[in-house]
Protein backbone atom coordinates (compact mmCIF):
# COMPACT_ATOMS: atom_id res chain seq x y z
CA MET A 1 101.88 -15.07 3.79
CA ASN A 2 100.30 -11.65 4.28
CA ILE A 3 96.46 -11.41 3.96
CA LEU A 4 94.76 -7.87 3.75
CA ALA A 5 91.07 -7.49 4.56
CA ILE A 6 89.28 -4.15 3.67
CA GLY A 7 86.03 -2.95 5.08
CA ALA A 8 84.00 0.19 4.65
CA HIS A 9 82.85 0.26 8.19
CA PRO A 10 84.23 -0.75 11.68
CA ASP A 11 82.19 -4.08 11.72
CA ASP A 12 82.16 -5.15 8.15
CA ILE A 13 85.30 -7.42 8.35
CA GLU A 14 83.99 -9.01 11.54
CA PHE A 15 80.57 -9.93 10.15
CA GLY A 16 81.78 -10.79 6.67
CA CYS A 17 85.16 -12.59 6.74
CA ALA A 18 86.61 -12.65 10.30
CA HIS A 19 86.22 -16.40 10.46
CA VAL A 20 88.78 -17.22 7.63
CA LEU A 21 91.02 -14.45 8.98
CA ILE A 22 91.10 -16.27 12.39
CA GLN A 23 91.82 -19.36 10.63
CA GLU A 24 94.77 -17.87 8.75
CA ALA A 25 96.16 -16.22 11.68
CA ARG A 26 96.16 -19.69 13.48
CA ARG A 27 98.17 -20.93 10.53
CA GLY A 28 100.88 -18.38 11.21
CA ASN A 29 99.98 -15.92 8.48
CA ARG A 30 100.03 -12.12 8.93
CA VAL A 31 96.58 -10.56 8.91
CA LYS A 32 95.99 -6.73 8.54
CA LEU A 33 92.51 -5.06 8.56
CA LEU A 34 92.01 -1.74 6.73
CA VAL A 35 88.84 0.21 7.74
CA LEU A 36 87.73 3.20 5.62
CA SER A 37 85.43 4.90 8.02
CA ARG A 38 84.43 4.99 11.62
CA GLY A 39 80.82 4.39 11.12
CA GLU A 40 80.01 8.12 11.48
CA ALA A 41 76.43 7.85 9.99
CA GLY A 42 75.34 4.96 12.25
CA SER A 43 72.36 5.14 14.51
CA HIS A 44 74.13 3.67 17.52
CA GLY A 45 77.52 4.27 18.79
CA THR A 46 80.04 7.09 18.26
CA PRO A 47 82.93 7.03 15.86
CA GLU A 48 85.18 6.76 18.85
CA SER A 49 83.31 3.77 20.55
CA ARG A 50 83.02 1.97 17.12
CA GLU A 51 86.66 2.36 16.56
CA GLN A 52 87.41 0.80 19.96
CA GLU A 53 85.10 -2.07 19.16
CA ALA A 54 86.84 -2.71 16.00
CA ARG A 55 90.24 -2.64 17.63
CA ALA A 56 88.99 -5.02 20.37
CA ALA A 57 87.84 -7.53 17.59
CA ALA A 58 91.19 -7.13 15.75
CA ALA A 59 93.07 -8.05 19.04
CA LEU A 60 90.89 -11.24 19.15
CA MET A 61 91.71 -12.11 15.51
CA ARG A 62 95.37 -11.45 16.20
CA ALA A 63 95.38 -8.99 13.40
CA ASP A 64 96.83 -5.57 12.87
CA ILE A 65 94.28 -2.83 12.04
CA GLU A 66 94.49 0.66 10.51
CA PHE A 67 91.82 3.28 9.77
CA LEU A 68 91.86 5.59 6.78
CA ASP A 69 89.80 8.61 6.31
CA PHE A 70 87.85 8.42 3.17
CA GLY A 71 85.33 11.13 4.01
CA GLY A 72 83.24 9.30 6.57
CA ASP A 73 80.44 6.70 6.54
CA CYS A 74 78.05 7.31 3.52
CA HIS A 75 80.57 9.55 1.84
CA ILE A 76 83.12 7.03 0.30
CA ALA A 77 83.52 7.90 -3.29
CA GLN A 78 84.88 5.81 -6.17
CA THR A 79 87.60 8.07 -7.19
CA HIS A 80 91.23 7.42 -8.43
CA GLU A 81 92.49 9.21 -5.41
CA ASN A 82 90.81 6.80 -3.05
CA ALA A 83 91.94 3.70 -5.14
CA PHE A 84 95.50 5.03 -5.05
CA ALA A 85 95.34 5.31 -1.28
CA ILE A 86 94.37 1.63 -1.04
CA ALA A 87 97.02 0.78 -3.56
CA ARG A 88 99.67 2.32 -1.40
CA GLN A 89 98.61 0.20 1.51
CA ILE A 90 98.88 -2.87 -0.83
CA ARG A 91 102.35 -1.86 -1.79
CA GLU A 92 103.28 -1.40 1.65
CA PHE A 93 101.86 -4.54 3.14
CA GLN A 94 102.52 -6.69 0.10
CA PRO A 95 99.58 -9.18 0.66
CA SER A 96 99.24 -12.34 -1.25
CA ILE A 97 95.35 -12.42 -0.67
CA VAL A 98 92.99 -9.44 -0.40
CA LEU A 99 89.50 -9.65 0.84
CA ALA A 100 86.94 -6.91 -0.02
CA PRO A 101 83.10 -6.29 0.26
CA HIS A 102 81.09 -7.78 -2.61
CA THR A 103 80.53 -5.31 -5.39
CA GLY A 104 76.72 -5.98 -5.71
CA GLU A 105 74.62 -2.87 -5.32
CA ASN A 106 71.92 -4.33 -2.97
CA GLN A 107 73.83 -3.69 0.17
CA HIS A 108 74.90 -0.56 2.01
CA PRO A 109 76.26 1.70 -0.88
CA ASP A 110 79.51 1.97 0.80
CA HIS A 111 80.13 -1.75 0.55
CA ALA A 112 79.91 -1.79 -3.26
CA VAL A 113 82.09 1.23 -3.63
CA VAL A 114 84.83 -0.21 -1.42
CA GLY A 115 84.71 -3.43 -3.30
CA LYS A 116 85.29 -1.65 -6.60
CA LEU A 117 87.92 0.67 -5.08
CA THR A 118 89.75 -2.45 -3.82
CA ARG A 119 89.62 -4.12 -7.31
CA ASP A 120 90.98 -1.05 -8.94
CA ALA A 121 93.63 -0.66 -6.30
CA CYS A 122 94.81 -4.17 -6.67
CA ARG A 123 95.49 -3.52 -10.33
CA TYR A 124 97.03 -0.10 -9.73
CA ALA A 125 99.35 -1.52 -7.10
CA ARG A 126 101.28 -3.51 -9.72
CA TYR A 127 101.77 -0.74 -12.29
CA ALA A 128 105.36 0.52 -11.93
CA GLY A 129 104.77 3.71 -14.16
CA LEU A 130 102.13 5.22 -12.02
CA GLU A 131 103.50 8.61 -10.71
CA ASP A 132 100.99 8.69 -7.83
CA LEU A 133 102.42 5.63 -6.41
CA LYS A 134 106.19 6.08 -7.15
CA ARG A 135 107.24 6.14 -3.48
CA ASN A 136 106.30 2.46 -3.04
CA VAL A 137 107.62 -0.68 -4.83
CA PRO A 138 104.97 -2.16 -7.13
CA HIS A 139 103.30 -5.38 -5.89
CA ALA A 140 101.07 -7.91 -7.56
CA ILE A 141 98.65 -9.68 -5.32
CA GLY A 142 97.97 -13.41 -5.79
CA ALA A 143 94.14 -13.33 -5.35
CA LEU A 144 91.12 -11.04 -4.64
CA TYR A 145 88.07 -12.46 -2.95
CA TYR A 146 84.69 -10.70 -2.13
CA TYR A 147 82.65 -11.36 0.96
CA THR A 148 79.17 -10.13 1.87
CA ILE A 149 78.35 -8.56 5.28
CA THR A 150 74.63 -9.38 5.93
CA GLN A 151 73.73 -11.42 2.95
CA THR A 152 74.47 -14.95 1.58
CA LEU A 153 75.97 -15.41 -1.88
CA ALA A 154 73.59 -17.45 -4.06
CA ASP A 155 76.37 -18.98 -6.24
CA PRO A 156 79.67 -18.62 -4.36
CA ASP A 157 83.06 -19.55 -6.11
CA VAL A 158 84.67 -20.74 -2.88
CA VAL A 159 83.14 -22.37 0.20
CA ILE A 160 85.25 -22.97 3.35
CA ASP A 161 84.74 -24.94 6.29
CA ILE A 162 84.86 -22.70 9.36
CA SER A 163 83.54 -25.01 11.97
CA ASP A 164 86.76 -24.90 14.05
CA VAL A 165 86.60 -21.14 14.63
CA VAL A 166 83.00 -20.39 15.13
CA ALA A 167 83.34 -19.46 18.81
CA ASP A 168 86.20 -17.15 18.12
CA TRP A 169 84.22 -15.56 15.21
CA GLU A 170 81.24 -15.03 17.30
CA ALA A 171 83.44 -13.28 20.00
CA THR A 172 84.81 -10.85 17.38
CA MET A 173 81.26 -10.06 16.23
CA ASN A 174 80.06 -9.51 19.81
CA CYS A 175 82.72 -6.82 20.12
CA HIS A 176 80.41 -4.58 18.21
CA VAL A 177 78.01 -4.14 21.04
CA SER A 178 76.63 -0.76 19.71
CA GLN A 179 75.49 -2.49 16.34
CA MET A 180 73.57 -5.30 18.06
CA ARG A 181 71.08 -2.71 19.33
CA THR A 182 69.92 -2.32 15.76
CA ARG A 183 69.68 -6.01 14.79
CA GLY A 184 70.88 -9.42 15.95
CA TYR A 185 73.78 -9.47 13.41
CA ALA A 186 75.74 -12.28 15.11
CA ASP A 187 72.79 -14.55 15.05
CA LEU A 188 71.97 -13.70 11.40
CA ARG A 189 75.55 -14.50 10.39
CA LEU A 190 75.80 -17.59 12.30
CA SER A 191 72.52 -18.94 11.00
CA ALA A 192 73.62 -18.20 7.39
CA ALA A 193 77.00 -19.98 8.07
CA ARG A 194 75.12 -22.87 9.74
CA ASN A 195 72.75 -23.32 6.71
CA LEU A 196 75.62 -23.14 4.25
CA GLY A 197 77.66 -25.70 6.15
CA LEU A 198 74.79 -28.16 6.32
CA SER A 199 74.47 -27.94 2.47
CA ILE A 200 78.12 -29.21 2.14
CA GLY A 201 78.18 -31.58 5.03
CA VAL A 202 79.99 -29.59 7.72
CA GLU A 203 78.75 -27.59 10.75
CA TYR A 204 79.57 -24.09 9.58
CA ALA A 205 80.86 -22.68 6.15
CA ALA A 206 81.80 -19.38 4.60
CA ALA A 207 81.22 -18.25 1.01
CA PHE A 208 83.32 -16.04 -1.29
CA HIS A 209 83.26 -14.82 -4.73
CA ALA A 210 86.60 -14.83 -6.65
CA ASN A 211 87.56 -11.84 -8.68
CA ASP A 212 89.26 -14.26 -11.19
CA PRO A 213 89.07 -17.95 -11.81
CA VAL A 214 90.92 -20.03 -9.16
CA ARG A 215 94.05 -21.51 -10.66
CA VAL A 216 95.31 -24.90 -9.77
CA ALA A 217 98.28 -27.11 -11.30
CA ALA A 218 96.18 -30.19 -11.75
CA LEU A 219 92.69 -31.39 -11.42
CA SER A 220 93.74 -33.90 -8.85
CA GLU A 221 94.73 -31.10 -6.53
CA ILE A 222 90.93 -30.46 -6.15
CA THR A 223 90.09 -33.10 -3.58
CA ARG A 224 86.74 -31.99 -2.32
CA SER A 225 83.54 -30.74 -3.82
CA SER A 226 81.11 -28.31 -2.16
CA ARG A 227 78.38 -30.72 -3.04
CA HIS A 228 77.39 -33.15 -0.17
CA PHE A 229 77.16 -36.28 -2.23
């Protein structure tokens, strides 16, 4: 299975969903990271150093990584052209699962824009009649899930036990040394994952919103509840 994770900035994926990507890479699935800026507007670090931080983190995740130029940090716009650019990547990589920043407006503006661009791109990627994408074979993904970067989802659709990969996840976050000068992001994310895990009876957990209802073949396939009875 191919899994594509998309982030607006060099550290978004690491803080938001690297834990599940590490799990999936361990399972033998192919993981690719698509980053749409180099953090040009950041208070700390240069675009060059931030790209290197992201590449180091991707290596720890055993993931491929590619950077696209969408105008730079704080300049990512919700346009058809940008959505088509992501759709081309989807057609080329042919992921079964796509992860994108949550579309809520209370984070960095780029996060919500990239979430919406990804949502549109997943739809465009399957349309055979789009002239803008004719050079690539249409591809329909299986599922789109949204992650948050520095916040915790109030009512997640999916909660995943990530206790077995916490050490590796922390290592990927710590690759972003420049950003730790602003705030203790690793501690912030670990604390949130710890609290969520305790609420479902495990050490650490991750939360996601599903773009569409999760489909199963039978009720009996759902063997665990997120409620810690």
